[in-house]
Amino acid sequence: MAHTFLTTTYATLFFFSSVLSHPVALAHFAKGLQNNILASNLSKGEARIIVKQVADTLTLEYTTHHWNLLGFEHHPQTAAEQTRLQAALNLLEQPHILWIFNTQADCHAHTFSIQSGLLLTLNQGMAHKGTDTSTQQDKHFSSRYLFKCTKPEALQEMDILIFDHFPITKKVDLQLYLNTLHSRQKITAQQRPIPLTTLP
C-alpha cells in the first residue's frame, strides 16, 4: 500500500511539473479541470475520456462513476466490496491493458495518478454498515495517464479496453485534442478501435 501511495504521489508531482512548463499543456490542463468539475453529470454506465497531445506526449484523463467499476457507489462495507475496490484500483494502475495505441507510434505510459473518495477507505478500513458518508464528489473515479510516443506522427488509432474490464460501462464521451484531430464523440464497445486521424 505504501508503494502505491508513493507511486501515485510521485506521478502526480511529475505530471504537474510537466504541465506547468508548457503553456499549451497548461491550457489543456485547465480545460481538463473544467471537465472534472462536470463529472457529476455522468450517469451510471457512462464515462468520460479526454486525450490531449503536446508534441510526443499524450495525456489521457479518465472519469467514471464508481458504479461502473464496482457495481456499488458507497464506501465498502464488506470484505467482498473491499476486495472489489482493490481489484479495480489494480486495473487502473495498469494503463497498458486499458488503453492501447497502434504499435507504429510506440507509445508507453510513464506516469499515472488516481483520485477517488474511496481511496481513504483502503487506509482507514471498511465503513460501518449503514453509515456511508459519500458525497456527490465521492461518486467518481478520476485517473490521469501520461504516455510518451517515439513516433507520434504515426498515431492512427486507439482501443479502449475499459469496456472489457468494466462491462457495466456502456458509453464513453470521448474528447480528442490531437495534432491531427479535434473531436468529441459518444463511443460504445462496438465502435472500437477508434481512428485518431479522421472522424469515423
C-alpha atoms as a PDB file:
ATOM      1  CA  MET A   1       0.000   0.000   0.000  1.00  0.00           C
ATOM      2  CA  ALA A   2       2.895   2.351   0.811  1.00  0.00           C
ATOM      3  CA  HIS A   3       4.380   1.630  -2.625  1.00  0.00           C
ATOM      4  CA  THR A   4       1.092   2.520  -4.324  1.00  0.00           C
ATOM      5  CA  PHE A   5       0.826   5.770  -2.341  1.00  0.00           C
ATOM      6  CA  LEU A   6       4.386   6.827  -3.178  1.00  0.00           C
ATOM      7  CA  THR A   7       3.999   5.910  -6.837  1.00  0.00           C
ATOM      8  CA  THR A   8       0.757   7.840  -7.143  1.00  0.00           C
ATOM      9  CA  THR A   9       2.187  10.876  -5.297  1.00  0.00           C
ATOM     10  CA  TYR A  10       5.309  10.924  -7.462  1.00  0.00           C
ATOM     11  CA  ALA A  11       3.226  10.540 -10.611  1.00  0.00           C
ATOM     12  CA  THR A  12       1.029  13.483  -9.610  1.00  0.00           C
ATOM     13  CA  LEU A  13       4.016  15.742  -8.889  1.00  0.00           C
ATOM     14  CA  PHE A  14       5.692  14.759 -12.158  1.00  0.00           C
ATOM     15  CA  PHE A  15       2.521  15.495 -14.078  1.00  0.00           C
ATOM     16  CA  PHE A  16       2.162  18.981 -12.573  1.00  0.00           C
ATOM     17  CA  SER A  17       5.784  19.900 -13.256  1.00  0.00           C
ATOM     18  CA  SER A  18       5.453  18.724 -16.866  1.00  0.00           C
ATOM     19  CA  VAL A  19       2.224  20.643 -17.454  1.00  0.00           C
ATOM     20  CA  LEU A  20       3.310  23.900 -15.865  1.00  0.00           C
ATOM     21  CA  SER A  21       6.446  24.021 -18.005  1.00  0.00           C
ATOM     22  CA  HIS A  22       4.457  24.081 -21.256  1.00  0.00           C
ATOM     23  CA  PRO A  23       1.850  26.800 -21.969  1.00  0.00           C
ATOM     24  CA  VAL A  24      -0.198  24.647 -24.356  1.00  0.00           C
ATOM     25  CA  ALA A  25      -0.279  21.790 -21.875  1.00  0.00           C
ATOM     26  CA  LEU A  26      -1.309  24.255 -19.163  1.00  0.00           C
ATOM     27  CA  ALA A  27      -4.268  25.390 -21.257  1.00  0.00           C
ATOM     28  CA  HIS A  28      -5.287  21.793 -21.863  1.00  0.00           C
ATOM     29  CA  PHE A  29      -4.900  21.043 -18.164  1.00  0.00           C
ATOM     30  CA  ALA A  30      -7.206  23.944 -17.264  1.00  0.00           C
ATOM     31  CA  LYS A  31      -9.775  22.562 -19.681  1.00  0.00           C
ATOM     32  CA  GLY A  32      -9.413  19.174 -18.045  1.00  0.00           C
ATOM     33  CA  LEU A  33     -10.143  20.662 -14.639  1.00  0.00           C
ATOM     34  CA  GLN A  34     -13.299  22.198 -16.042  1.00  0.00           C
ATOM     35  CA  ASN A  35     -14.401  18.821 -17.346  1.00  0.00           C
ATOM     36  CA  ASN A  36     -13.695  17.175 -13.996  1.00  0.00           C
ATOM     37  CA  ILE A  37     -15.982  19.690 -12.315  1.00  0.00           C
ATOM     38  CA  LEU A  38     -18.710  18.444 -14.649  1.00  0.00           C
ATOM     39  CA  ALA A  39     -18.020  14.818 -13.725  1.00  0.00           C
ATOM     40  CA  SER A  40     -21.132  14.736 -11.566  1.00  0.00           C
ATOM     41  CA  ASN A  41     -23.143  14.927 -14.809  1.00  0.00           C
ATOM     42  CA  LEU A  42     -22.021  11.395 -15.695  1.00  0.00           C
ATOM     43  CA  SER A  43     -24.676   8.751 -15.179  1.00  0.00           C
ATOM     44  CA  LYS A  44     -24.221   5.110 -14.299  1.00  0.00           C
ATOM     45  CA  GLY A  45     -22.910   3.278 -17.351  1.00  0.00           C
ATOM     46  CA  GLU A  46     -21.208   6.414 -18.716  1.00  0.00           C
ATOM     47  CA  ALA A  47     -17.584   7.528 -18.606  1.00  0.00           C
ATOM     48  CA  ARG A  48     -15.520  10.397 -19.994  1.00  0.00           C
ATOM     49  CA  ILE A  49     -12.120  10.117 -21.674  1.00  0.00           C
ATOM     50  CA  ILE A  50     -10.094  13.147 -22.776  1.00  0.00           C
ATOM     51  CA  VAL A  51      -6.943  12.586 -24.843  1.00  0.00           C
ATOM     52  CA  LYS A  52      -4.601  15.540 -25.411  1.00  0.00           C
ATOM     53  CA  GLN A  53      -1.406  15.672 -27.429  1.00  0.00           C
ATOM     54  CA  VAL A  54       1.554  18.003 -26.955  1.00  0.00           C
ATOM     55  CA  ALA A  55       4.416  17.037 -29.283  1.00  0.00           C
ATOM     56  CA  ASP A  56       5.352  13.436 -28.391  1.00  0.00           C
ATOM     57  CA  THR A  57       3.303  13.377 -25.181  1.00  0.00           C
ATOM     58  CA  LEU A  58      -0.251  12.124 -24.766  1.00  0.00           C
ATOM     59  CA  THR A  59      -2.259  12.872 -21.643  1.00  0.00           C
ATOM     60  CA  LEU A  60      -5.300  10.673 -21.088  1.00  0.00           C
ATOM     61  CA  GLU A  61      -7.871  11.684 -18.475  1.00  0.00           C
ATOM     62  CA  TYR A  62     -10.485   9.137 -17.445  1.00  0.00           C
ATOM     63  CA  THR A  63     -13.521   9.898 -15.285  1.00  0.00           C
ATOM     64  CA  THR A  64     -16.165   7.336 -14.447  1.00  0.00           C
ATOM     65  CA  HIS A  65     -18.906   6.627 -11.936  1.00  0.00           C
ATOM     66  CA  HIS A  66     -17.937   4.314  -9.073  1.00  0.00           C
ATOM     67  CA  TRP A  67     -20.831   2.078 -10.101  1.00  0.00           C
ATOM     68  CA  ASN A  68     -19.199   1.377 -13.465  1.00  0.00           C
ATOM     69  CA  LEU A  69     -16.115  -0.121 -11.822  1.00  0.00           C
ATOM     70  CA  LEU A  70     -17.508  -1.644  -8.652  1.00  0.00           C
ATOM     71  CA  GLY A  71     -21.215  -2.274  -9.021  1.00  0.00           C
ATOM     72  CA  PHE A  72     -21.776  -0.007  -5.994  1.00  0.00           C
ATOM     73  CA  GLU A  73     -21.099   3.634  -5.159  1.00  0.00           C
ATOM     74  CA  HIS A  74     -20.845   3.677  -1.367  1.00  0.00           C
ATOM     75  CA  HIS A  75     -17.748   3.108   0.729  1.00  0.00           C
ATOM     76  CA  PRO A  76     -17.062  -0.646   1.024  1.00  0.00           C
ATOM     77  CA  GLN A  77     -18.986  -2.226   3.894  1.00  0.00           C
ATOM     78  CA  THR A  78     -17.987  -5.868   3.451  1.00  0.00           C
ATOM     79  CA  ALA A  79     -14.771  -7.745   2.786  1.00  0.00           C
ATOM     80  CA  ALA A  80     -16.051  -8.639  -0.691  1.00  0.00           C
ATOM     81  CA  GLU A  81     -16.637  -4.963  -1.549  1.00  0.00           C
ATOM     82  CA  GLN A  82     -13.192  -4.076  -0.199  1.00  0.00           C
ATOM     83  CA  THR A  83     -11.660  -6.728  -2.445  1.00  0.00           C
ATOM     84  CA  ARG A  84     -13.590  -5.445  -5.445  1.00  0.00           C
ATOM     85  CA  LEU A  85     -12.319  -1.911  -4.829  1.00  0.00           C
ATOM     86  CA  GLN A  86      -8.715  -3.089  -4.586  1.00  0.00           C
ATOM     87  CA  ALA A  87      -9.092  -5.113  -7.799  1.00  0.00           C
ATOM     88  CA  ALA A  88     -10.456  -2.069  -9.646  1.00  0.00           C
ATOM     89  CA  LEU A  89      -7.541   0.067  -8.438  1.00  0.00           C
ATOM     90  CA  ASN A  90      -5.086  -2.617  -9.534  1.00  0.00           C
ATOM     91  CA  LEU A  91      -6.536  -2.412 -13.050  1.00  0.00           C
ATOM     92  CA  LEU A  92      -6.459   1.399 -13.095  1.00  0.00           C
ATOM     93  CA  GLU A  93      -2.756   1.209 -12.243  1.00  0.00           C
ATOM     94  CA  GLN A  94      -2.078  -0.745 -15.458  1.00  0.00           C
ATOM     95  CA  PRO A  95      -2.643   1.690 -18.342  1.00  0.00           C
ATOM     96  CA  HIS A  96      -1.088  -0.695 -20.855  1.00  0.00           C
ATOM     97  CA  ILE A  97      -4.094  -3.017 -20.510  1.00  0.00           C
ATOM     98  CA  LEU A  98      -6.709  -0.241 -20.506  1.00  0.00           C
ATOM     99  CA  TRP A  99      -5.621   1.969 -23.414  1.00  0.00           C
ATOM    100  CA  ILE A 100      -3.801   0.652 -26.469  1.00  0.00           C
ATOM    101  CA  PHE A 101      -2.417   2.838 -29.258  1.00  0.00           C
ATOM    102  CA  ASN A 102      -1.302   1.405 -32.603  1.00  0.00           C
ATOM    103  CA  THR A 103       2.134  -0.184 -32.325  1.00  0.00           C
ATOM    104  CA  GLN A 104       3.724   2.004 -35.021  1.00  0.00           C
ATOM    105  CA  ALA A 105       3.517   5.060 -32.733  1.00  0.00           C
ATOM    106  CA  ASP A 106       5.392   3.205 -29.960  1.00  0.00           C
ATOM    107  CA  CYS A 107       3.558   4.874 -27.057  1.00  0.00           C
ATOM    108  CA  HIS A 108       4.345   3.867 -23.480  1.00  0.00           C
ATOM    109  CA  ALA A 109       2.830   5.018 -20.197  1.00  0.00           C
ATOM    110  CA  HIS A 110       5.265   6.897 -17.964  1.00  0.00           C
ATOM    111  CA  THR A 111       3.175   8.168 -15.068  1.00  0.00           C
ATOM    112  CA  PHE A 112      -0.326   7.978 -13.672  1.00  0.00           C
ATOM    113  CA  SER A 113      -2.450   9.379 -10.864  1.00  0.00           C
ATOM    114  CA  ILE A 114      -5.787   8.212  -9.429  1.00  0.00           C
ATOM    115  CA  GLN A 115      -8.298  10.193  -7.402  1.00  0.00           C
ATOM    116  CA  SER A 116     -11.387   8.936  -5.583  1.00  0.00           C
ATOM    117  CA  GLY A 117     -13.063   9.499  -2.252  1.00  0.00           C
ATOM    118  CA  LEU A 118     -12.960   5.719  -1.809  1.00  0.00           C
ATOM    119  CA  LEU A 119      -9.154   5.694  -1.591  1.00  0.00           C
ATOM    120  CA  LEU A 120      -9.444   6.764   2.047  1.00  0.00           C
ATOM    121  CA  THR A 121     -11.310   3.538   2.715  1.00  0.00           C
ATOM    122  CA  LEU A 122      -8.235   1.463   1.891  1.00  0.00           C
ATOM    123  CA  ASN A 123      -6.210   3.348   4.502  1.00  0.00           C
ATOM    124  CA  GLN A 124      -8.895   3.578   7.179  1.00  0.00           C
ATOM    125  CA  GLY A 125     -10.626   0.215   6.820  1.00  0.00           C
ATOM    126  CA  MET A 126     -14.208  -0.588   5.906  1.00  0.00           C
ATOM    127  CA  ALA A 127     -17.051   1.793   6.659  1.00  0.00           C
ATOM    128  CA  HIS A 128     -19.542   0.716   9.282  1.00  0.00           C
ATOM    129  CA  LYS A 129     -22.589  -0.775   7.629  1.00  0.00           C
ATOM    130  CA  GLY A 130     -25.364   1.774   7.275  1.00  0.00           C
ATOM    131  CA  THR A 131     -23.101   4.780   7.926  1.00  0.00           C
ATOM    132  CA  ASP A 132     -21.985   5.642   4.406  1.00  0.00           C
ATOM    133  CA  THR A 133     -20.861   9.272   4.202  1.00  0.00           C
ATOM    134  CA  SER A 134     -20.294   9.547   0.441  1.00  0.00           C
ATOM    135  CA  THR A 135     -20.868  12.956  -1.122  1.00  0.00           C
ATOM    136  CA  GLN A 136     -21.581  13.732  -4.758  1.00  0.00           C
ATOM    137  CA  GLN A 137     -17.842  14.348  -5.272  1.00  0.00           C
ATOM    138  CA  ASP A 138     -17.136  10.832  -3.947  1.00  0.00           C
ATOM    139  CA  LYS A 139     -19.186   9.160  -6.664  1.00  0.00           C
ATOM    140  CA  HIS A 140     -16.448   9.154  -9.320  1.00  0.00           C
ATOM    141  CA  PHE A 141     -13.008   7.816 -10.057  1.00  0.00           C
ATOM    142  CA  SER A 142     -10.678  10.182 -11.916  1.00  0.00           C
ATOM    143  CA  SER A 143      -7.383   8.951 -13.300  1.00  0.00           C
ATOM    144  CA  ARG A 144      -4.751  10.584 -15.482  1.00  0.00           C
ATOM    145  CA  TYR A 145      -2.067   8.876 -17.565  1.00  0.00           C
ATOM    146  CA  LEU A 146       0.972  10.311 -19.330  1.00  0.00           C
ATOM    147  CA  PHE A 147       2.206   8.499 -22.460  1.00  0.00           C
ATOM    148  CA  LYS A 148       5.391   9.165 -24.412  1.00  0.00           C
ATOM    149  CA  CYS A 149       5.374   8.217 -28.111  1.00  0.00           C
ATOM    150  CA  THR A 150       8.578   7.544 -30.034  1.00  0.00           C
ATOM    151  CA  LYS A 151       6.777   8.206 -33.342  1.00  0.00           C
ATOM    152  CA  PRO A 152       3.808  10.480 -32.576  1.00  0.00           C
ATOM    153  CA  GLU A 153       3.342  11.183 -36.283  1.00  0.00           C
ATOM    154  CA  ALA A 154       2.385   7.516 -36.682  1.00  0.00           C
ATOM    155  CA  LEU A 155      -0.604   7.725 -34.321  1.00  0.00           C
ATOM    156  CA  GLN A 156      -3.570   6.239 -36.131  1.00  0.00           C
ATOM    157  CA  GLU A 157      -5.909   4.563 -33.662  1.00  0.00           C
ATOM    158  CA  MET A 158      -6.535   3.625 -30.051  1.00  0.00           C
ATOM    159  CA  ASP A 159      -8.506   0.882 -28.365  1.00  0.00           C
ATOM    160  CA  ILE A 160     -10.478   1.468 -25.160  1.00  0.00           C
ATOM    161  CA  LEU A 161     -10.402  -1.734 -23.150  1.00  0.00           C
ATOM    162  CA  ILE A 162     -12.377  -0.477 -20.169  1.00  0.00           C
ATOM    163  CA  PHE A 163     -15.425  -1.900 -21.957  1.00  0.00           C
ATOM    164  CA  ASP A 164     -13.877  -5.342 -21.473  1.00  0.00           C
ATOM    165  CA  HIS A 165     -12.559  -4.921 -17.930  1.00  0.00           C
ATOM    166  CA  PHE A 166     -15.542  -2.928 -16.621  1.00  0.00           C
ATOM    167  CA  PRO A 167     -18.529  -4.150 -18.675  1.00  0.00           C
ATOM    168  CA  ILE A 168     -21.025  -2.037 -16.725  1.00  0.00           C
ATOM    169  CA  THR A 169     -19.633   0.840 -18.801  1.00  0.00           C
ATOM    170  CA  LYS A 170     -21.808   1.114 -21.899  1.00  0.00           C
ATOM    171  CA  LYS A 171     -20.925   4.527 -23.321  1.00  0.00           C
ATOM    172  CA  VAL A 172     -17.895   6.828 -23.317  1.00  0.00           C
ATOM    173  CA  ASP A 173     -17.797  10.557 -24.002  1.00  0.00           C
ATOM    174  CA  LEU A 174     -14.511  10.653 -25.942  1.00  0.00           C
ATOM    175  CA  GLN A 175     -12.834  14.028 -26.461  1.00  0.00           C
ATOM    176  CA  LEU A 176      -9.733  14.208 -28.654  1.00  0.00           C
ATOM    177  CA  TYR A 177      -7.341  17.165 -28.824  1.00  0.00           C
ATOM    178  CA  LEU A 178      -4.640  15.850 -31.149  1.00  0.00           C
ATOM    179  CA  ASN A 179      -2.324  17.357 -33.731  1.00  0.00           C
ATOM    180  CA  THR A 180      -4.379  15.734 -36.481  1.00  0.00           C
ATOM    181  CA  LEU A 181      -7.855  15.776 -34.997  1.00  0.00           C
ATOM    182  CA  HIS A 182     -10.125  17.670 -32.596  1.00  0.00           C
ATOM    183  CA  SER A 183     -13.389  15.863 -31.983  1.00  0.00           C
ATOM    184  CA  ARG A 184     -15.973  14.797 -29.440  1.00  0.00           C
ATOM    185  CA  GLN A 185     -17.836  11.527 -29.883  1.00  0.00           C
ATOM    186  CA  LYS A 186     -20.041   9.105 -27.991  1.00  0.00           C
ATOM    187  CA  ILE A 187     -18.334   5.718 -28.165  1.00  0.00           C
ATOM    188  CA  THR A 188     -19.680   2.239 -27.472  1.00  0.00           C
ATOM    189  CA  ALA A 189     -17.810  -1.054 -27.321  1.00  0.00           C
ATOM    190  CA  GLN A 190     -18.893  -1.872 -30.871  1.00  0.00           C
ATOM    191  CA  GLN A 191     -17.115   1.201 -32.294  1.00  0.00           C
ATOM    192  CA  ARG A 192     -13.596   0.157 -31.431  1.00  0.00           C
ATOM    193  CA  PRO A 193     -10.814   0.702 -32.320  1.00  0.00           C
ATOM    194  CA  ILE A 194     -11.060   4.496 -32.536  1.00  0.00           C
ATOM    195  CA  PRO A 195      -9.371   6.253 -35.506  1.00  0.00           C
ATOM    196  CA  LEU A 196      -7.152   9.159 -34.469  1.00  0.00           C
ATOM    197  CA  THR A 197      -6.655  10.745 -37.882  1.00  0.00           C
ATOM    198  CA  THR A 198     -10.162  11.277 -39.226  1.00  0.00           C
ATOM    199  CA  LEU A 199     -13.701  11.150 -37.876  1.00  0.00           C
ATOM    200  CA  PRO A 200     -15.249   7.662 -38.047  1.00  0.00           C
END
